Amino acid sequence: MSGVPEFDFVKTAACRDAQVGNCPEVALNVPGVVALRDSERPETIVTMTAEQWSGLTAAVKAGEYDLSA
């Protein structure tokens, strides 16, 4: 793919277990860019700035996206 940086995706420790199915993967190796993908659909990559990532993680931690609510 031309023009697309080579992301180095990693999974959380819990997702490294072979018995766990799909997991979110995050790449932080490209300066200023955070890339996300689903391990079952690795061809689809969502990117955001580090500032947007900080906002997203803060909202998740605050329960803004709590599906049980």
C-alpha atoms as a PDB file:
ATOM      1  CA  MET A   1       0.000   0.000   0.000  1.00  0.00           C
ATOM      2  CA  SER A   2       1.562   3.221  -1.027  1.00  0.00           C
ATOM      3  CA  GLY A   3       1.334   6.204   1.285  1.00  0.00           C
ATOM      4  CA  VAL A   4       0.290   4.113   4.290  1.00  0.00           C
ATOM      5  CA  PRO A   5       2.823   3.943   7.123  1.00  0.00           C
ATOM      6  CA  GLU A   6       3.899   0.545   8.384  1.00  0.00           C
ATOM      7  CA  PHE A   7       2.219   0.155  11.726  1.00  0.00           C
ATOM      8  CA  ASP A   8       3.556  -2.187  14.397  1.00  0.00           C
ATOM      9  CA  PHE A   9       0.333  -3.449  15.993  1.00  0.00           C
ATOM     10  CA  VAL A  10       0.259  -4.998  19.464  1.00  0.00           C
ATOM     11  CA  LYS A  11      -2.456  -6.684  21.513  1.00  0.00           C
ATOM     12  CA  THR A  12      -3.104  -6.341  25.220  1.00  0.00           C
ATOM     13  CA  ALA A  13      -1.638  -9.059  27.415  1.00  0.00           C
ATOM     14  CA  ALA A  14      -5.079 -10.697  27.844  1.00  0.00           C
ATOM     15  CA  CYS A  15      -5.433 -11.002  24.072  1.00  0.00           C
ATOM     16  CA  ARG A  16      -2.109 -12.755  23.599  1.00  0.00           C
ATOM     17  CA  ASP A  17      -3.709 -15.975  24.882  1.00  0.00           C
ATOM     18  CA  ALA A  18      -4.335 -18.319  21.935  1.00  0.00           C
ATOM     19  CA  GLN A  19      -7.803 -19.137  23.323  1.00  0.00           C
ATOM     20  CA  VAL A  20      -8.952 -15.528  22.970  1.00  0.00           C
ATOM     21  CA  GLY A  21     -10.597 -14.735  19.646  1.00  0.00           C
ATOM     22  CA  ASN A  22     -10.546 -11.341  18.086  1.00  0.00           C
ATOM     23  CA  CYS A  23      -8.964  -8.451  19.932  1.00  0.00           C
ATOM     24  CA  PRO A  24      -8.355  -4.779  19.377  1.00  0.00           C
ATOM     25  CA  GLU A  25      -4.810  -3.991  18.342  1.00  0.00           C
ATOM     26  CA  VAL A  26      -3.027  -0.658  18.737  1.00  0.00           C
ATOM     27  CA  ALA A  27       0.034   0.755  16.992  1.00  0.00           C
ATOM     28  CA  LEU A  28       1.976   3.663  18.481  1.00  0.00           C
ATOM     29  CA  ASN A  29       5.154   3.427  16.405  1.00  0.00           C
ATOM     30  CA  VAL A  30       4.351   6.231  13.923  1.00  0.00           C
ATOM     31  CA  PRO A  31       4.992   9.636  15.550  1.00  0.00           C
ATOM     32  CA  GLY A  32       1.805  11.631  16.126  1.00  0.00           C
ATOM     33  CA  VAL A  33      -0.490   8.794  14.989  1.00  0.00           C
ATOM     34  CA  VAL A  34      -2.370   6.112  16.913  1.00  0.00           C
ATOM     35  CA  ALA A  35      -3.698   3.297  14.740  1.00  0.00           C
ATOM     36  CA  LEU A  36      -6.383   0.804  15.745  1.00  0.00           C
ATOM     37  CA  ARG A  37      -7.639  -2.373  14.137  1.00  0.00           C
ATOM     38  CA  ASP A  38      -9.604  -5.523  14.934  1.00  0.00           C
ATOM     39  CA  SER A  39      -7.499  -8.693  14.732  1.00  0.00           C
ATOM     40  CA  GLU A  40     -10.295 -10.386  12.748  1.00  0.00           C
ATOM     41  CA  ARG A  41     -10.306  -7.550  10.178  1.00  0.00           C
ATOM     42  CA  PRO A  42      -6.687  -6.380  10.023  1.00  0.00           C
ATOM     43  CA  GLU A  43      -7.172  -4.700   6.648  1.00  0.00           C
ATOM     44  CA  THR A  44      -9.384  -2.023   8.242  1.00  0.00           C
ATOM     45  CA  ILE A  45      -7.260   0.496  10.119  1.00  0.00           C
ATOM     46  CA  VAL A  46      -8.580   3.546  11.976  1.00  0.00           C
ATOM     47  CA  THR A  47      -6.099   6.305  12.756  1.00  0.00           C
ATOM     48  CA  MET A  48      -6.263   9.293  15.069  1.00  0.00           C
ATOM     49  CA  THR A  49      -3.963  11.846  16.610  1.00  0.00           C
ATOM     50  CA  ALA A  50      -2.396  11.295  20.009  1.00  0.00           C
ATOM     51  CA  GLU A  51      -4.693  14.034  21.363  1.00  0.00           C
ATOM     52  CA  GLN A  52      -7.783  12.245  20.019  1.00  0.00           C
ATOM     53  CA  TRP A  53      -6.531   8.972  21.538  1.00  0.00           C
ATOM     54  CA  SER A  54      -6.125  10.665  24.920  1.00  0.00           C
ATOM     55  CA  GLY A  55      -9.685  11.985  24.696  1.00  0.00           C
ATOM     56  CA  LEU A  56     -11.044   8.569  23.734  1.00  0.00           C
ATOM     57  CA  THR A  57      -9.241   6.705  26.512  1.00  0.00           C
ATOM     58  CA  ALA A  58     -10.324   9.328  29.079  1.00  0.00           C
ATOM     59  CA  ALA A  59     -13.959   8.924  27.975  1.00  0.00           C
ATOM     60  CA  VAL A  60     -13.709   5.125  28.210  1.00  0.00           C
ATOM     61  CA  LYS A  61     -12.177   5.322  31.678  1.00  0.00           C
ATOM     62  CA  ALA A  62     -14.934   7.731  32.760  1.00  0.00           C
ATOM     63  CA  GLY A  63     -17.588   5.220  31.692  1.00  0.00           C
ATOM     64  CA  GLU A  64     -18.906   7.279  28.780  1.00  0.00           C
ATOM     65  CA  TYR A  65     -19.044   4.165  26.604  1.00  0.00           C
ATOM     66  CA  ASP A  66     -20.290   1.756  29.251  1.00  0.00           C
ATOM     67  CA  LEU A  67     -22.522  -0.684  27.362  1.00  0.00           C
ATOM     68  CA  SER A  68     -24.097  -1.989  30.569  1.00  0.00           C
ATOM     69  CA  ALA A  69     -25.599   1.397  31.454  1.00  0.00           C
END
